[in-house]
Amino acid sequence: MNTWLFKRAHANLACVQLALTTTIFDVVMLKYTGNPAAFVAIASGFTEPGSYAESLTVVDSALWQESMIVEIRQLASMHCWDVVLLSDLPSQSFVIGNKWVFRLKYPNNVFDKRKSRLVALGYQQEKGQDSFESFSPTCSQIALRLKLGLTSTMGWRSIDMDALSAFISSKLAVGEHVYMKMPKGFDTLQDTYCLSLDRCIYGLRQSPRTFFMLTREIYNNAGFTQLMSDKCVFVKLENN
């Protein structure tokens, strides 16, 4: 290769490397746009493992292990399951798997905590066996804009609330029996025991619907009326 061709090839390679670096940087900045604290944390050595196996090798592994213990304790305190013998399961029963999902939490762009969430592998469920109805309505953008418009026009206050461990608040419907493997990290007896779920953890097919049914019951008991035009809007009239 003569000198001119070598310089041309080297220049092209440099352009490709620069474009690749720029693309990676743009992707990272796009992910954390509006959340500079998250970008700084990632750059400073915080990790967000993509799997349980990865959580054992990262620099802050001990903190992620502690986060998983907190999650298991919370689920156990809410009586999400019973530990049962595999040999006691009814015939034709199927035991679904689960996985850990890890996220760094930044409310108001300030680092708060490491969150480990145990998620069931709902795609392994079979309709008619461990899940039945799964449809859950979603609030329309029209209803949402109308509500915010009324709030602004009437001088009302708008309050945004987030339910902690929302799905876990709702119990499985009568007749639904879901069995799940022991979570990784807590599965030393997985060949003998499994979990019989009493509540809807994240990942189950019926979790969104079951939580909506619970929410509707609570609103109805509080005197709210569900709109026919949007099943996710509940109205209560007081003082005209």
Protein backbone atom coordinates (compact mmCIF):
# COMPACT_ATOMS: atom_id res chain seq x y z
CA MET A 1 0.00 0.00 0.00
CA ASN A 2 1.51 3.37 -0.97
CA THR A 3 1.74 6.26 1.49
CA TRP A 4 -1.32 8.09 0.10
CA LEU A 5 -3.56 5.02 0.32
CA PHE A 6 -2.32 4.25 3.84
CA LYS A 7 -3.08 7.79 5.04
CA ARG A 8 -6.51 7.65 3.36
CA ALA A 9 -7.35 4.32 5.01
CA HIS A 10 -6.11 5.55 8.40
CA ALA A 11 -8.22 8.71 8.09
CA ASN A 12 -11.30 6.66 7.22
CA LEU A 13 -10.71 4.40 10.23
CA ALA A 14 -10.36 7.42 12.48
CA CYS A 15 -13.65 8.81 11.15
CA VAL A 16 -15.39 5.50 11.82
CA GLN A 17 -14.00 5.36 15.36
CA LEU A 18 -15.07 8.96 16.00
CA ALA A 19 -18.57 8.27 14.65
CA LEU A 20 -18.89 5.14 16.77
CA THR A 21 -17.72 6.97 19.90
CA THR A 22 -20.13 9.83 19.20
CA THR A 23 -22.98 7.39 18.65
CA ILE A 24 -22.30 5.59 21.95
CA PHE A 25 -22.05 8.93 23.77
CA ASP A 26 -25.30 10.13 22.20
CA VAL A 27 -27.07 6.92 23.23
CA VAL A 28 -25.86 7.23 26.82
CA MET A 29 -26.81 10.89 27.02
CA LEU A 30 -30.21 10.15 25.44
CA LYS A 31 -30.92 7.55 28.13
CA TYR A 32 -30.07 9.96 30.92
CA THR A 33 -31.37 13.19 29.36
CA GLY A 34 -33.07 15.22 32.04
CA ASN A 35 -31.45 13.03 34.68
CA PRO A 36 -27.84 14.27 35.05
CA ALA A 37 -27.51 12.67 38.47
CA ALA A 38 -28.01 9.24 36.91
CA PHE A 39 -25.32 9.93 34.31
CA VAL A 40 -22.88 11.10 36.97
CA ALA A 41 -23.63 8.05 39.14
CA ILE A 42 -23.03 5.61 36.28
CA ALA A 43 -19.80 7.39 35.38
CA SER A 44 -18.70 7.30 39.03
CA GLY A 45 -18.85 3.53 39.38
CA PHE A 46 -22.49 2.81 40.24
CA THR A 47 -23.72 -0.28 38.47
CA GLU A 48 -27.08 -1.49 37.18
CA PRO A 49 -26.66 -5.26 36.67
CA GLY A 50 -28.53 -6.90 33.83
CA SER A 51 -28.85 -10.25 35.57
CA TYR A 52 -28.41 -12.00 38.90
CA ALA A 53 -25.11 -13.49 37.74
CA GLU A 54 -23.81 -10.03 36.86
CA SER A 55 -24.88 -8.65 40.25
CA LEU A 56 -22.39 -11.04 41.87
CA THR A 57 -19.43 -9.61 39.94
CA VAL A 58 -19.97 -5.82 39.99
CA VAL A 59 -18.02 -3.53 42.30
CA ASP A 60 -21.07 -2.75 44.45
CA SER A 61 -22.21 -6.38 44.60
CA ALA A 62 -22.63 -6.33 48.39
CA LEU A 63 -25.09 -3.43 48.14
CA TRP A 64 -27.12 -5.23 45.48
CA GLN A 65 -27.18 -8.35 47.66
CA GLU A 66 -28.55 -6.23 50.50
CA SER A 67 -31.17 -4.78 48.14
CA MET A 68 -32.34 -8.28 47.21
CA ILE A 69 -32.67 -9.21 50.88
CA VAL A 70 -34.82 -6.10 51.43
CA GLU A 71 -37.09 -7.16 48.54
CA ILE A 72 -37.50 -10.72 49.81
CA ARG A 73 -38.27 -9.49 53.34
CA GLN A 74 -40.88 -7.06 52.01
CA LEU A 75 -42.59 -9.74 49.91
CA ALA A 76 -42.53 -12.18 52.82
CA SER A 77 -43.94 -9.56 55.22
CA MET A 78 -46.86 -9.00 52.82
CA HIS A 79 -47.54 -12.77 52.80
CA CYS A 80 -47.02 -13.05 49.05
CA TRP A 81 -46.45 -16.79 49.16
CA ASP A 82 -46.32 -20.01 51.09
CA VAL A 83 -43.34 -22.32 50.87
CA VAL A 84 -44.58 -25.76 49.83
CA LEU A 85 -43.07 -29.12 49.00
CA LEU A 86 -42.82 -29.93 45.31
CA SER A 87 -44.07 -33.40 46.12
CA ASP A 88 -47.31 -31.92 47.50
CA LEU A 89 -48.28 -30.08 44.30
CA PRO A 90 -51.39 -31.28 42.46
CA SER A 91 -50.77 -33.38 39.39
CA GLN A 92 -50.21 -31.45 36.14
CA SER A 93 -49.04 -28.42 38.12
CA PHE A 94 -46.41 -26.25 36.45
CA VAL A 95 -43.80 -24.23 38.33
CA ILE A 96 -42.87 -20.98 36.56
CA GLY A 97 -39.52 -19.26 36.84
CA ASN A 98 -38.55 -15.75 37.91
CA LYS A 99 -35.74 -13.27 37.51
CA TRP A 100 -34.21 -10.30 39.27
CA VAL A 101 -34.48 -6.80 37.79
CA PHE A 102 -32.07 -4.16 39.10
CA ARG A 103 -32.57 -0.40 38.89
CA LEU A 104 -30.96 2.71 40.37
CA LYS A 105 -33.68 5.07 41.64
CA TYR A 106 -33.40 8.85 41.16
CA PRO A 107 -36.50 10.70 42.42
CA ASN A 108 -36.12 14.39 41.57
CA ASN A 109 -32.74 13.63 39.95
CA VAL A 110 -31.19 12.71 43.30
CA PHE A 111 -29.88 9.20 43.92
CA ASP A 112 -32.14 7.44 46.40
CA LYS A 113 -31.45 3.72 46.44
CA ARG A 114 -30.72 0.51 44.61
CA LYS A 115 -33.94 -1.32 43.84
CA SER A 116 -34.01 -5.08 43.28
CA ARG A 117 -37.36 -6.43 42.09
CA LEU A 118 -38.35 -10.07 41.85
CA VAL A 119 -40.31 -10.57 38.63
CA ALA A 120 -42.22 -13.71 37.66
CA LEU A 121 -41.76 -15.10 34.16
CA GLY A 122 -45.37 -14.65 33.17
CA TYR A 123 -44.79 -15.85 29.62
CA GLN A 124 -44.44 -19.35 31.09
CA GLN A 125 -48.02 -19.28 32.41
CA GLU A 126 -50.77 -21.17 30.64
CA LYS A 127 -54.20 -19.60 30.25
CA GLY A 128 -56.88 -21.67 31.91
CA GLN A 129 -54.41 -23.31 34.25
CA ASP A 130 -52.63 -20.65 36.32
CA SER A 131 -54.13 -17.54 34.70
CA PHE A 132 -57.56 -16.67 33.34
CA GLU A 133 -58.59 -13.09 32.49
CA SER A 134 -55.73 -10.64 32.03
CA PHE A 135 -57.19 -7.54 30.34
CA SER A 136 -56.78 -4.29 32.27
CA PRO A 137 -58.04 -0.89 30.98
CA THR A 138 -55.73 2.08 30.49
CA CYS A 139 -56.70 5.71 30.96
CA SER A 140 -57.05 7.52 27.64
CA GLN A 141 -54.99 10.63 26.85
CA ILE A 142 -58.24 12.50 26.13
CA ALA A 143 -59.55 11.83 29.64
CA LEU A 144 -56.20 12.78 31.16
CA ARG A 145 -56.02 16.10 29.28
CA LEU A 146 -59.66 16.85 30.18
CA LYS A 147 -58.95 16.23 33.86
CA LEU A 148 -55.89 18.51 33.82
CA GLY A 149 -57.85 21.15 31.89
CA LEU A 150 -60.67 21.11 34.46
CA THR A 151 -58.13 21.29 37.28
CA SER A 152 -56.52 24.39 35.78
CA THR A 153 -59.81 26.09 34.87
CA MET A 154 -61.45 25.55 38.24
CA GLY A 155 -58.36 26.39 40.25
CA TRP A 156 -58.22 22.93 41.80
CA ARG A 157 -55.15 21.07 43.00
CA SER A 158 -53.78 18.04 41.18
CA ILE A 159 -52.08 15.36 43.28
CA ASP A 160 -49.92 12.66 41.73
CA MET A 161 -49.50 9.54 43.87
CA ASP A 162 -47.46 6.38 43.43
CA ALA A 163 -48.43 3.14 45.14
CA LEU A 164 -45.48 1.25 46.59
CA SER A 165 -45.39 -2.41 45.52
CA ALA A 166 -48.76 -1.83 43.86
CA PHE A 167 -49.43 -5.23 42.32
CA ILE A 168 -48.49 -7.04 45.51
CA SER A 169 -51.40 -5.34 47.28
CA SER A 170 -53.85 -7.49 45.34
CA LYS A 171 -54.51 -11.17 45.94
CA LEU A 172 -54.83 -13.82 43.27
CA ALA A 173 -58.41 -14.44 42.17
CA VAL A 174 -60.31 -17.38 43.58
CA GLY A 175 -59.41 -20.52 41.67
CA GLU A 176 -56.02 -19.27 40.46
CA HIS A 177 -53.07 -21.32 41.68
CA VAL A 178 -49.62 -20.12 40.68
CA TYR A 179 -46.45 -21.95 41.69
CA MET A 180 -43.05 -20.33 41.30
CA LYS A 181 -39.46 -21.45 41.70
CA MET A 182 -37.34 -20.19 44.58
CA PRO A 183 -35.56 -16.90 43.67
CA LYS A 184 -31.91 -17.04 42.74
CA GLY A 185 -29.76 -16.38 45.76
CA PHE A 186 -32.40 -17.95 47.99
CA ASP A 187 -32.74 -21.27 46.19
CA THR A 188 -30.61 -23.68 48.19
CA LEU A 189 -33.65 -25.98 48.56
CA GLN A 190 -35.07 -25.51 45.07
CA ASP A 191 -35.08 -29.25 44.39
CA THR A 192 -37.44 -29.81 47.31
CA TYR A 193 -39.53 -26.66 47.73
CA CYS A 194 -41.27 -24.01 45.63
CA LEU A 195 -43.47 -20.98 46.30
CA SER A 196 -47.26 -21.08 46.16
CA LEU A 197 -48.23 -17.48 45.38
CA ASP A 198 -51.04 -15.81 47.32
CA ARG A 199 -50.60 -12.34 45.84
CA CYS A 200 -49.87 -10.92 42.40
CA ILE A 201 -46.20 -10.16 42.06
CA TYR A 202 -44.80 -8.27 39.08
CA GLY A 203 -44.59 -10.24 35.87
CA LEU A 204 -47.73 -12.35 36.27
CA ARG A 205 -50.20 -12.04 33.41
CA GLN A 206 -53.12 -11.30 35.70
CA SER A 207 -51.33 -8.75 37.93
CA PRO A 208 -52.45 -5.53 36.14
CA ARG A 209 -56.09 -6.67 35.98
CA THR A 210 -56.17 -7.89 39.58
CA PHE A 211 -54.70 -4.63 40.84
CA PHE A 212 -57.25 -2.65 38.80
CA MET A 213 -60.08 -4.68 40.30
CA LEU A 214 -58.75 -3.91 43.78
CA THR A 215 -58.47 -0.22 42.95
CA ARG A 216 -62.03 -0.12 41.61
CA GLU A 217 -63.34 -1.78 44.78
CA ILE A 218 -61.55 0.78 46.97
CA TYR A 219 -62.86 3.74 44.93
CA ASN A 220 -66.41 2.38 44.94
CA ASN A 221 -66.30 1.90 48.71
CA ALA A 222 -65.15 5.51 49.03
CA GLY A 223 -68.21 6.74 47.13
CA PHE A 224 -66.66 7.25 43.69
CA THR A 225 -68.49 6.39 40.47
CA GLN A 226 -66.74 4.79 37.52
CA LEU A 227 -67.35 6.58 34.22
CA MET A 228 -68.87 4.60 31.38
CA SER A 229 -66.82 6.59 28.83
CA ASP A 230 -63.47 5.76 30.48
CA LYS A 231 -63.22 2.86 32.91
CA CYS A 232 -60.09 4.35 34.50
CA VAL A 233 -61.79 7.58 35.61
CA PHE A 234 -63.73 7.70 38.89
CA VAL A 235 -65.75 10.73 39.97
CA LYS A 236 -67.17 11.80 43.30
CA LEU A 237 -69.44 14.85 43.60
CA GLU A 238 -69.49 16.81 46.86
CA ASN A 239 -70.97 20.23 47.71
CA ASN A 240 -72.42 20.65 44.20
